[in-house]
PDB file of N, CA and C in Angstrom:
ATOM      1  N   MET A   1      -4.306   8.562 -36.097  1.00  0.00           N
ATOM      2  CA  MET A   1      -4.042   7.460 -35.454  1.00  0.00           C
ATOM      3  C   MET A   1      -3.974   8.968 -34.323  1.00  0.00           C
ATOM      4  N   THR A   2      -4.637   8.359 -32.616  1.00  0.00           N
ATOM      5  CA  THR A   2      -4.474   9.107 -31.316  1.00  0.00           C
ATOM      6  C   THR A   2      -3.811   8.088 -30.334  1.00  0.00           C
ATOM      7  N   LEU A   3      -2.980   8.666 -29.921  1.00  0.00           N
ATOM      8  CA  LEU A   3      -2.032   7.959 -28.391  1.00  0.00           C
ATOM      9  C   LEU A   3      -3.069   8.735 -27.240  1.00  0.00           C
ATOM     10  N   MET A   4      -2.721   7.073 -26.712  1.00  0.00           N
ATOM     11  CA  MET A   4      -3.495   6.985 -25.487  1.00  0.00           C
ATOM     12  C   MET A   4      -1.960   7.400 -24.626  1.00  0.00           C
ATOM     13  N   PRO A   5      -2.841   8.371 -23.370  1.00  0.00           N
ATOM     14  CA  PRO A   5      -1.907   9.012 -22.777  1.00  0.00           C
ATOM     15  C   PRO A   5      -1.570   7.327 -21.831  1.00  0.00           C
ATOM     16  N   ARG A   6      -0.434   7.922 -21.455  1.00  0.00           N
ATOM     17  CA  ARG A   6       0.284   6.821 -20.237  1.00  0.00           C
ATOM     18  C   ARG A   6      -0.247   7.264 -19.253  1.00  0.00           C
ATOM     19  N   VAL A   7      -0.403   5.882 -18.465  1.00  0.00           N
ATOM     20  CA  VAL A   7      -1.206   6.319 -17.322  1.00  0.00           C
ATOM     21  C   VAL A   7       0.163   5.361 -16.305  1.00  0.00           C
ATOM     22  N   VAL A   8       0.698   6.022 -15.352  1.00  0.00           N
ATOM     23  CA  VAL A   8       1.707   5.784 -14.156  1.00  0.00           C
ATOM     24  C   VAL A   8       0.576   4.718 -13.324  1.00  0.00           C
ATOM     25  N   THR A   9       1.121   3.582 -12.525  1.00  0.00           N
ATOM     26  CA  THR A   9       0.422   3.115 -11.236  1.00  0.00           C
ATOM     27  C   THR A   9       1.130   3.611 -10.302  1.00  0.00           C
ATOM     28  N   PRO A  10       1.152   3.735  -9.146  1.00  0.00           N
ATOM     29  CA  PRO A  10       1.359   3.945  -8.226  1.00  0.00           C
ATOM     30  C   PRO A  10       2.553   3.884  -8.035  1.00  0.00           C
ATOM     31  N   VAL A  11       2.833   2.155  -8.193  1.00  0.00           N
ATOM     32  CA  VAL A  11       4.224   1.413  -7.818  1.00  0.00           C
ATOM     33  C   VAL A  11       4.812   1.653  -8.878  1.00  0.00           C
ATOM     34  N   ALA A  12       5.126   2.280 -10.295  1.00  0.00           N
ATOM     35  CA  ALA A  12       5.589   2.925 -10.725  1.00  0.00           C
ATOM     36  C   ALA A  12       5.966   4.008 -10.614  1.00  0.00           C
ATOM     37  N   LEU A  13       5.185   4.718 -10.084  1.00  0.00           N
ATOM     38  CA  LEU A  13       5.594   6.209  -9.418  1.00  0.00           C
ATOM     39  C   LEU A  13       6.859   6.398  -8.398  1.00  0.00           C
ATOM     40  N   VAL A  14       6.380   5.102  -6.950  1.00  0.00           N
ATOM     41  CA  VAL A  14       7.134   4.995  -6.231  1.00  0.00           C
ATOM     42  C   VAL A  14       9.002   4.391  -7.161  1.00  0.00           C
ATOM     43  N   ALA A  15       8.593   3.506  -8.143  1.00  0.00           N
ATOM     44  CA  ALA A  15       9.866   3.487  -8.545  1.00  0.00           C
ATOM     45  C   ALA A  15      10.156   4.188  -9.289  1.00  0.00           C
ATOM     46  N   LEU A  16      10.473   5.032  -9.957  1.00  0.00           N
ATOM     47  CA  LEU A  16      10.528   6.230 -10.708  1.00  0.00           C
ATOM     48  C   LEU A  16      11.117   7.188  -9.317  1.00  0.00           C
ATOM     49  N   THR A  17      10.806   7.494  -8.705  1.00  0.00           N
ATOM     50  CA  THR A  17      11.078   8.341  -7.180  1.00  0.00           C
ATOM     51  C   THR A  17      12.322   8.360  -7.232  1.00  0.00           C
ATOM     52  N   LEU A  18      12.291   7.044  -6.754  1.00  0.00           N
ATOM     53  CA  LEU A  18      13.243   6.359  -5.902  1.00  0.00           C
ATOM     54  C   LEU A  18      14.405   5.959  -6.268  1.00  0.00           C
ATOM     55  N   SER A  19      14.257   5.717  -7.901  1.00  0.00           N
ATOM     56  CA  SER A  19      15.331   5.927  -8.945  1.00  0.00           C
ATOM     57  C   SER A  19      15.804   7.216  -9.237  1.00  0.00           C
ATOM     58  N   ALA A  20      15.091   8.276  -9.346  1.00  0.00           N
ATOM     59  CA  ALA A  20      15.614   9.577  -9.016  1.00  0.00           C
ATOM     60  C   ALA A  20      16.322  10.294  -8.137  1.00  0.00           C
ATOM     61  N   LEU A  21      15.995   9.457  -6.994  1.00  0.00           N
ATOM     62  CA  LEU A  21      16.520  10.129  -6.092  1.00  0.00           C
ATOM     63  C   LEU A  21      17.836   9.642  -5.795  1.00  0.00           C
ATOM     64  N   ALA A  22      18.034   8.038  -6.402  1.00  0.00           N
ATOM     65  CA  ALA A  22      19.367   7.857  -5.925  1.00  0.00           C
ATOM     66  C   ALA A  22      20.309   8.014  -7.409  1.00  0.00           C
ATOM     67  N   HIS A  23      19.887   8.833  -8.484  1.00  0.00           N
ATOM     68  CA  HIS A  23      20.341   9.245  -9.035  1.00  0.00           C
ATOM     69  C   HIS A  23      21.009  10.689  -9.018  1.00  0.00           C
ATOM     70  N   ALA A  24      20.133  11.180  -8.455  1.00  0.00           N
ATOM     71  CA  ALA A  24      20.329  12.758  -7.758  1.00  0.00           C
ATOM     72  C   ALA A  24      21.581  13.022  -6.764  1.00  0.00           C
ATOM     73  N   ASN A  25      21.152  11.477  -5.979  1.00  0.00           N
ATOM     74  CA  ASN A  25      22.770  11.773  -4.587  1.00  0.00           C
ATOM     75  C   ASN A  25      22.623  10.213  -4.468  1.00  0.00           C
ATOM     76  N   PRO A  26      23.682   9.911  -5.204  1.00  0.00           N
ATOM     77  CA  PRO A  26      23.992   8.986  -5.329  1.00  0.00           C
ATOM     78  C   PRO A  26      24.813   8.043  -3.618  1.00  0.00           C
ATOM     79  N   GLN A  27      25.794   9.454  -3.016  1.00  0.00           N
ATOM     80  CA  GLN A  27      26.097   9.173  -1.968  1.00  0.00           C
ATOM     81  C   GLN A  27      25.201   8.667  -1.074  1.00  0.00           C
ATOM     82  N   ARG A  28      24.462   9.553  -0.835  1.00  0.00           N
ATOM     83  CA  ARG A  28      22.948   9.137  -0.058  1.00  0.00           C
ATOM     84  C   ARG A  28      22.502   7.258  -0.634  1.00  0.00           C
ATOM     85  N   ALA A  29      22.182   7.538  -1.470  1.00  0.00           N
ATOM     86  CA  ALA A  29      21.681   5.581  -1.658  1.00  0.00           C
ATOM     87  C   ALA A  29      22.738   4.876  -0.899  1.00  0.00           C
ATOM     88  N   GLN A  30      23.981   5.237  -1.556  1.00  0.00           N
ATOM     89  CA  GLN A  30      25.026   4.411  -1.123  1.00  0.00           C
ATOM     90  C   GLN A  30      25.586   4.021   0.678  1.00  0.00           C
ATOM     91  N   LEU A  31      25.135   5.059   0.949  1.00  0.00           N
ATOM     92  CA  LEU A  31      24.927   5.007   3.075  1.00  0.00           C
ATOM     93  C   LEU A  31      23.595   4.400   3.292  1.00  0.00           C
ATOM     94  N   GLN A  32      22.417   4.742   2.002  1.00  0.00           N
ATOM     95  CA  GLN A  32      21.184   3.556   2.648  1.00  0.00           C
ATOM     96  C   GLN A  32      21.503   2.210   2.631  1.00  0.00           C
ATOM     97  N   ALA A  33      22.350   1.477   1.039  1.00  0.00           N
ATOM     98  CA  ALA A  33      22.800   0.337   1.011  1.00  0.00           C
ATOM     99  C   ALA A  33      24.207   0.255   2.216  1.00  0.00           C
ATOM    100  N   ASN A  34      24.877   0.864   2.698  1.00  0.00           N
ATOM    101  CA  ASN A  34      26.206  -0.029   3.437  1.00  0.00           C
ATOM    102  C   ASN A  34      25.197   0.423   5.023  1.00  0.00           C
ATOM    103  N   PHE A  35      24.008   0.970   4.667  1.00  0.00           N
ATOM    104  CA  PHE A  35      23.129   0.904   6.778  1.00  0.00           C
ATOM    105  C   PHE A  35      22.595  -0.738   6.524  1.00  0.00           C
ATOM    106  N   GLN A  36      21.968  -0.826   5.300  1.00  0.00           N
ATOM    107  CA  GLN A  36      21.319  -2.014   5.162  1.00  0.00           C
ATOM    108  C   GLN A  36      22.047  -3.345   5.072  1.00  0.00           C
ATOM    109  N   ALA A  37      23.250  -3.273   4.823  1.00  0.00           N
ATOM    110  CA  ALA A  37      24.991  -4.148   4.724  1.00  0.00           C
ATOM    111  C   ALA A  37      24.921  -5.049   6.296  1.00  0.00           C
ATOM    112  N   ALA A  38      25.303  -3.472   6.984  1.00  0.00           N
ATOM    113  CA  ALA A  38      25.929  -3.743   7.729  1.00  0.00           C
ATOM    114  C   ALA A  38      24.737  -4.041   9.230  1.00  0.00           C
ATOM    115  N   ASP A  39      23.697  -4.193   9.052  1.00  0.00           N
ATOM    116  CA  ASP A  39      22.334  -4.074  10.001  1.00  0.00           C
ATOM    117  C   ASP A  39      22.325  -5.539   9.809  1.00  0.00           C
ATOM    118  N   VAL A  40      23.102  -6.285  10.466  1.00  0.00           N
ATOM    119  CA  VAL A  40      23.208  -7.669  10.299  1.00  0.00           C
ATOM    120  C   VAL A  40      21.527  -8.401  10.843  1.00  0.00           C
ATOM    121  N   ASP A  41      21.200  -8.026  11.617  1.00  0.00           N
ATOM    122  CA  ASP A  41      19.972  -8.009  12.554  1.00  0.00           C
ATOM    123  C   ASP A  41      18.910  -7.835  11.694  1.00  0.00           C
ATOM    124  N   LYS A  42      19.128  -6.890  10.623  1.00  0.00           N
ATOM    125  CA  LYS A  42      17.757  -6.052  10.264  1.00  0.00           C
ATOM    126  C   LYS A  42      16.484  -5.647  10.932  1.00  0.00           C
ATOM    127  N   ASN A  43      17.029  -4.895  12.095  1.00  0.00           N
ATOM    128  CA  ASN A  43      16.296  -4.175  12.367  1.00  0.00           C
ATOM    129  C   ASN A  43      16.314  -2.537  12.990  1.00  0.00           C
ATOM    130  N   GLU A  44      17.067  -2.699  11.595  1.00  0.00           N
ATOM    131  CA  GLU A  44      16.628  -1.128  11.488  1.00  0.00           C
ATOM    132  C   GLU A  44      17.737   0.016  12.518  1.00  0.00           C
ATOM    133  N   GLN A  45      18.403  -0.642  13.052  1.00  0.00           N
ATOM    134  CA  GLN A  45      19.040  -0.145  13.949  1.00  0.00           C
ATOM    135  C   GLN A  45      20.795  -0.785  13.973  1.00  0.00           C
ATOM    136  N   LEU A  46      21.881  -0.055  13.973  1.00  0.00           N
ATOM    137  CA  LEU A  46      23.048  -0.656  14.290  1.00  0.00           C
ATOM    138  C   LEU A  46      23.485  -0.694  15.893  1.00  0.00           C
ATOM    139  N   ASN A  47      24.212  -1.760  16.016  1.00  0.00           N
ATOM    140  CA  ASN A  47      24.630  -1.821  17.736  1.00  0.00           C
ATOM    141  C   ASN A  47      26.291  -1.387  17.337  1.00  0.00           C
ATOM    142  N   VAL A  48      26.728  -1.642  18.584  1.00  0.00           N
ATOM    143  CA  VAL A  48      28.875  -1.002  17.934  1.00  0.00           C
ATOM    144  C   VAL A  48      28.857  -1.482  16.918  1.00  0.00           C
ATOM    145  N   ALA A  49      29.751  -3.152  16.981  1.00  0.00           N
ATOM    146  CA  ALA A  49      30.210  -3.818  16.488  1.00  0.00           C
ATOM    147  C   ALA A  49      29.486  -3.309  14.766  1.00  0.00           C
ATOM    148  N   GLU A  50      27.779  -3.666  14.420  1.00  0.00           N
ATOM    149  CA  GLU A  50      27.170  -3.460  13.180  1.00  0.00           C
ATOM    150  C   GLU A  50      27.697  -1.797  12.746  1.00  0.00           C
ATOM    151  N   PHE A  51      28.400  -1.108  13.374  1.00  0.00           N
ATOM    152  CA  PHE A  51      28.104   0.629  12.973  1.00  0.00           C
ATOM    153  C   PHE A  51      29.713   0.411  12.634  1.00  0.00           C
ATOM    154  N   LYS A  52      30.207  -0.437  13.470  1.00  0.00           N
ATOM    155  CA  LYS A  52      31.811  -0.292  12.891  1.00  0.00           C
ATOM    156  C   LYS A  52      31.960  -0.960  11.164  1.00  0.00           C
ATOM    157  N   THR A  53      30.988  -1.657  10.969  1.00  0.00           N
ATOM    158  CA  THR A  53      30.985  -2.522   9.933  1.00  0.00           C
ATOM    159  C   THR A  53      30.536  -1.667   9.013  1.00  0.00           C
ATOM    160  N   PHE A  54      29.049  -0.548   9.780  1.00  0.00           N
ATOM    161  CA  PHE A  54      28.883   0.613   8.189  1.00  0.00           C
ATOM    162  C   PHE A  54      30.007   1.318   8.132  1.00  0.00           C
ATOM    163  N   ILE A  55      30.856   2.081   8.782  1.00  0.00           N
ATOM    164  CA  ILE A  55      31.976   2.967   9.391  1.00  0.00           C
ATOM    165  C   ILE A  55      32.762   2.186   8.029  1.00  0.00           C
ATOM    166  N   ASN A  56      33.436   1.192   8.472  1.00  0.00           N
ATOM    167  CA  ASN A  56      34.081   0.358   7.157  1.00  0.00           C
ATOM    168  C   ASN A  56      33.551   0.867   5.986  1.00  0.00           C
ATOM    169  N   LEU A  57      32.444   0.318   5.770  1.00  0.00           N
ATOM    170  CA  LEU A  57      31.948   0.225   4.206  1.00  0.00           C
ATOM    171  C   LEU A  57      31.809   2.056   4.069  1.00  0.00           C
ATOM    172  N   ASN A  58      31.534   2.795   4.791  1.00  0.00           N
ATOM    173  CA  ASN A  58      31.409   4.160   4.006  1.00  0.00           C
ATOM    174  C   ASN A  58      33.060   4.475   3.721  1.00  0.00           C
ATOM    175  N   ALA A  59      34.165   4.035   4.676  1.00  0.00           N
ATOM    176  CA  ALA A  59      35.237   4.336   4.443  1.00  0.00           C
ATOM    177  C   ALA A  59      35.845   3.651   2.799  1.00  0.00           C
ATOM    178  N   ASP A  60      35.534   2.665   2.696  1.00  0.00           N
ATOM    179  CA  ASP A  60      35.536   1.595   1.240  1.00  0.00           C
ATOM    180  C   ASP A  60      34.961   2.526   0.571  1.00  0.00           C
ATOM    181  N   HIS A  61      34.012   3.286   0.539  1.00  0.00           N
ATOM    182  CA  HIS A  61      32.967   4.383  -0.387  1.00  0.00           C
ATOM    183  C   HIS A  61      33.923   5.855   0.009  1.00  0.00           C
ATOM    184  N   LYS A  62      34.721   5.935   0.014  1.00  0.00           N
ATOM    185  CA  LYS A  62      34.873   7.573   0.691  1.00  0.00           C
ATOM    186  C   LYS A  62      33.701   8.036   0.981  1.00  0.00           C
ATOM    187  N   LEU A  63      32.584   8.079   1.748  1.00  0.00           N
ATOM    188  CA  LEU A  63      32.011   8.860   2.005  1.00  0.00           C
ATOM    189  C   LEU A  63      31.855   9.675   3.702  1.00  0.00           C
ATOM    190  N   GLY A  64      31.702  10.758   3.563  1.00  0.00           N
ATOM    191  CA  GLY A  64      31.967  11.185   5.040  1.00  0.00           C
ATOM    192  C   GLY A  64      33.560  11.210   5.557  1.00  0.00           C
ATOM    193  N   ARG A  65      33.472  11.796   6.990  1.00  0.00           N
ATOM    194  CA  ARG A  65      34.672  11.467   7.419  1.00  0.00           C
ATOM    195  C   ARG A  65      34.863   9.587   7.784  1.00  0.00           C
ATOM    196  N   ALA A  66      34.389   8.983   7.503  1.00  0.00           N
ATOM    197  CA  ALA A  66      34.331   7.396   7.432  1.00  0.00           C
ATOM    198  C   ALA A  66      35.918   6.756   7.643  1.00  0.00           C
ATOM    199  N   ALA A  67      36.308   7.537   6.933  1.00  0.00           N
ATOM    200  CA  ALA A  67      37.503   7.530   6.060  1.00  0.00           C
ATOM    201  C   ALA A  67      39.197   7.119   7.867  1.00  0.00           C
ATOM    202  N   SER A  68      38.457   8.750   8.133  1.00  0.00           N
ATOM    203  CA  SER A  68      39.500   9.311   9.030  1.00  0.00           C
ATOM    204  C   SER A  68      38.634   8.278  10.468  1.00  0.00           C
ATOM    205  N   ILE A  69      37.942   8.256  10.908  1.00  0.00           N
ATOM    206  CA  ILE A  69      37.042   7.375  11.913  1.00  0.00           C
ATOM    207  C   ILE A  69      38.084   6.208  11.689  1.00  0.00           C
ATOM    208  N   ARG A  70      37.955   5.381  10.542  1.00  0.00           N
ATOM    209  CA  ARG A  70      38.513   4.122  10.875  1.00  0.00           C
ATOM    210  C   ARG A  70      40.020   3.972  10.823  1.00  0.00           C
ATOM    211  N   ARG A  71      40.436   5.410   9.998  1.00  0.00           N
ATOM    212  CA  ARG A  71      42.449   5.763  10.234  1.00  0.00           C
ATOM    213  C   ARG A  71      42.793   5.445  12.049  1.00  0.00           C
ATOM    214  N   PHE A  72      41.661   6.621  12.907  1.00  0.00           N
ATOM    215  CA  PHE A  72      42.464   6.584  13.768  1.00  0.00           C
ATOM    216  C   PHE A  72      41.694   5.920  14.911  1.00  0.00           C
ATOM    217  N   GLY A  73      41.230   4.426  14.461  1.00  0.00           N
ATOM    218  CA  GLY A  73      39.849   3.959  15.674  1.00  0.00           C
ATOM    219  C   GLY A  73      39.175   4.655  16.536  1.00  0.00           C
ATOM    220  N   MET A  74      38.318   5.484  15.335  1.00  0.00           N
ATOM    221  CA  MET A  74      37.314   6.457  16.346  1.00  0.00           C
ATOM    222  C   MET A  74      35.954   6.069  16.369  1.00  0.00           C
ATOM    223  N   TYR A  75      36.027   4.320  16.510  1.00  0.00           N
ATOM    224  CA  TYR A  75      34.219   4.006  16.353  1.00  0.00           C
ATOM    225  C   TYR A  75      33.682   3.969  17.621  1.00  0.00           C
ATOM    226  N   THR A  76      34.216   4.170  18.604  1.00  0.00           N
ATOM    227  CA  THR A  76      33.266   4.291  19.654  1.00  0.00           C
ATOM    228  C   THR A  76      32.977   5.676  20.071  1.00  0.00           C
ATOM    229  N   LYS A  77      33.649   6.300  19.789  1.00  0.00           N
ATOM    230  CA  LYS A  77      33.478   7.948  20.252  1.00  0.00           C
ATOM    231  C   LYS A  77      32.458   8.216  18.950  1.00  0.00           C
ATOM    232  N   ALA A  78      32.733   7.959  17.931  1.00  0.00           N
ATOM    233  CA  ALA A  78      31.601   8.444  16.967  1.00  0.00           C
ATOM    234  C   ALA A  78      30.537   7.810  17.219  1.00  0.00           C
ATOM    235  N   PHE A  79      30.358   6.477  17.692  1.00  0.00           N
ATOM    236  CA  PHE A  79      29.400   6.147  18.015  1.00  0.00           C
ATOM    237  C   PHE A  79      28.403   6.648  18.678  1.00  0.00           C
ATOM    238  N   LYS A  80      28.911   7.226  19.947  1.00  0.00           N
ATOM    239  CA  LYS A  80      28.306   8.278  21.135  1.00  0.00           C
ATOM    240  C   LYS A  80      28.210   9.628  20.587  1.00  0.00           C
ATOM    241  N   GLU A  81      28.683   9.957  19.566  1.00  0.00           N
ATOM    242  CA  GLU A  81      28.542  11.076  19.483  1.00  0.00           C
ATOM    243  C   GLU A  81      27.021  11.016  18.686  1.00  0.00           C
ATOM    244  N   ILE A  82      26.876   9.898  17.905  1.00  0.00           N
ATOM    245  CA  ILE A  82      25.329   9.562  17.190  1.00  0.00           C
ATOM    246  C   ILE A  82      24.373   9.540  18.087  1.00  0.00           C
ATOM    247  N   ASP A  83      24.434   8.875  18.954  1.00  0.00           N
ATOM    248  CA  ASP A  83      23.630   7.752  19.759  1.00  0.00           C
ATOM    249  C   ASP A  83      23.562   8.953  20.603  1.00  0.00           C
ATOM    250  N   ALA A  84      22.796   9.781  20.109  1.00  0.00           N
ATOM    251  CA  ALA A  84      22.916  11.464  21.178  1.00  0.00           C
ATOM    252  C   ALA A  84      21.977  10.944  22.633  1.00  0.00           C
ATOM    253  N   ASN A  85      20.550   9.650  21.824  1.00  0.00           N
ATOM    254  CA  ASN A  85      20.289  10.025  23.136  1.00  0.00           C
ATOM    255  C   ASN A  85      20.683   8.597  24.427  1.00  0.00           C
ATOM    256  N   GLY A  86      21.780   7.880  23.562  1.00  0.00           N
ATOM    257  CA  GLY A  86      22.643   6.529  24.612  1.00  0.00           C
ATOM    258  C   GLY A  86      21.618   5.756  24.778  1.00  0.00           C
ATOM    259  N   ASP A  87      20.844   5.287  23.818  1.00  0.00           N
ATOM    260  CA  ASP A  87      19.789   3.909  24.161  1.00  0.00           C
ATOM    261  C   ASP A  87      20.917   2.950  23.854  1.00  0.00           C
ATOM    262  N   GLY A  88      21.861   3.355  23.167  1.00  0.00           N
ATOM    263  CA  GLY A  88      23.029   1.972  22.874  1.00  0.00           C
ATOM    264  C   GLY A  88      22.904   1.422  21.511  1.00  0.00           C
ATOM    265  N   VAL A  89      21.928   2.428  20.714  1.00  0.00           N
ATOM    266  CA  VAL A  89      21.669   2.007  19.280  1.00  0.00           C
ATOM    267  C   VAL A  89      21.733   3.440  18.407  1.00  0.00           C
ATOM    268  N   VAL A  90      22.113   2.800  16.812  1.00  0.00           N
ATOM    269  CA  VAL A  90      22.310   4.023  16.135  1.00  0.00           C
ATOM    270  C   VAL A  90      21.255   3.627  15.065  1.00  0.00           C
ATOM    271  N   THR A  91      20.198   4.779  14.781  1.00  0.00           N
ATOM    272  CA  THR A  91      19.253   4.491  13.853  1.00  0.00           C
ATOM    273  C   THR A  91      19.603   5.212  12.731  1.00  0.00           C
ATOM    274  N   LYS A  92      18.743   4.988  11.626  1.00  0.00           N
ATOM    275  CA  LYS A  92      18.609   6.308  10.330  1.00  0.00           C
ATOM    276  C   LYS A  92      18.871   7.219  10.981  1.00  0.00           C
ATOM    277  N   GLU A  93      17.411   7.564  11.491  1.00  0.00           N
ATOM    278  CA  GLU A  93      17.488   9.092  11.982  1.00  0.00           C
ATOM    279  C   GLU A  93      18.273   9.754  12.827  1.00  0.00           C
ATOM    280  N   ASP A  94      19.164   9.171  13.937  1.00  0.00           N
ATOM    281  CA  ASP A  94      20.235   9.248  14.183  1.00  0.00           C
ATOM    282  C   ASP A  94      21.342  10.335  13.532  1.00  0.00           C
ATOM    283  N   ILE A  95      21.503   8.723  12.251  1.00  0.00           N
ATOM    284  CA  ILE A  95      22.760   9.466  11.546  1.00  0.00           C
ATOM    285  C   ILE A  95      22.487  10.951  10.206  1.00  0.00           C
ATOM    286  N   ALA A  96      20.563  10.726  10.511  1.00  0.00           N
ATOM    287  CA  ALA A  96      20.630  12.056   9.725  1.00  0.00           C
ATOM    288  C   ALA A  96      20.569  13.544  10.433  1.00  0.00           C
ATOM    289  N   ALA A  97      20.076  13.429  11.533  1.00  0.00           N
ATOM    290  CA  ALA A  97      20.024  14.386  13.064  1.00  0.00           C
ATOM    291  C   ALA A  97      21.463  14.689  12.873  1.00  0.00           C
ATOM    292  N   GLN A  98      23.021  13.500  12.853  1.00  0.00           N
ATOM    293  CA  GLN A  98      24.018  14.061  13.224  1.00  0.00           C
ATOM    294  C   GLN A  98      24.304  14.923  11.591  1.00  0.00           C
ATOM    295  N   ALA A  99      24.021  14.520  10.708  1.00  0.00           N
ATOM    296  CA  ALA A  99      24.204  14.905   9.167  1.00  0.00           C
ATOM    297  C   ALA A  99      24.285  16.489   8.997  1.00  0.00           C
ATOM    298  N   LYS A 100      23.227  16.554   9.675  1.00  0.00           N
ATOM    299  CA  LYS A 100      22.706  18.476  10.094  1.00  0.00           C
ATOM    300  C   LYS A 100      23.094  19.337  10.394  1.00  0.00           C
ATOM    301  N   GLN A 101      24.031  19.209  12.168  1.00  0.00           N
ATOM    302  CA  GLN A 101      24.915  19.562  12.500  1.00  0.00           C
ATOM    303  C   GLN A 101      25.821  20.027  11.773  1.00  0.00           C
TER     304      GLN A 101
END
């Protein structure tokens, strides 16, 4: 009996990769899920109100400094720190840049 090699389609490969990333870093996956949940208008940006929701979701999941931001009501200060270019919105890229500092 000859076994045929298993063919992995590009879609399957992407799904496997995303699954592996989520398992490798569950906190990152939760952050992404929280961002999507907070992004009410689905424009891939968080305004101040959406950012507050994002922080609260992160605090609920004990991610980063979110619990401290919520406890001390420092939403606006945190928003301004992450919105480094001052355009009035926070993007995933803004958050990633802040995390690297």
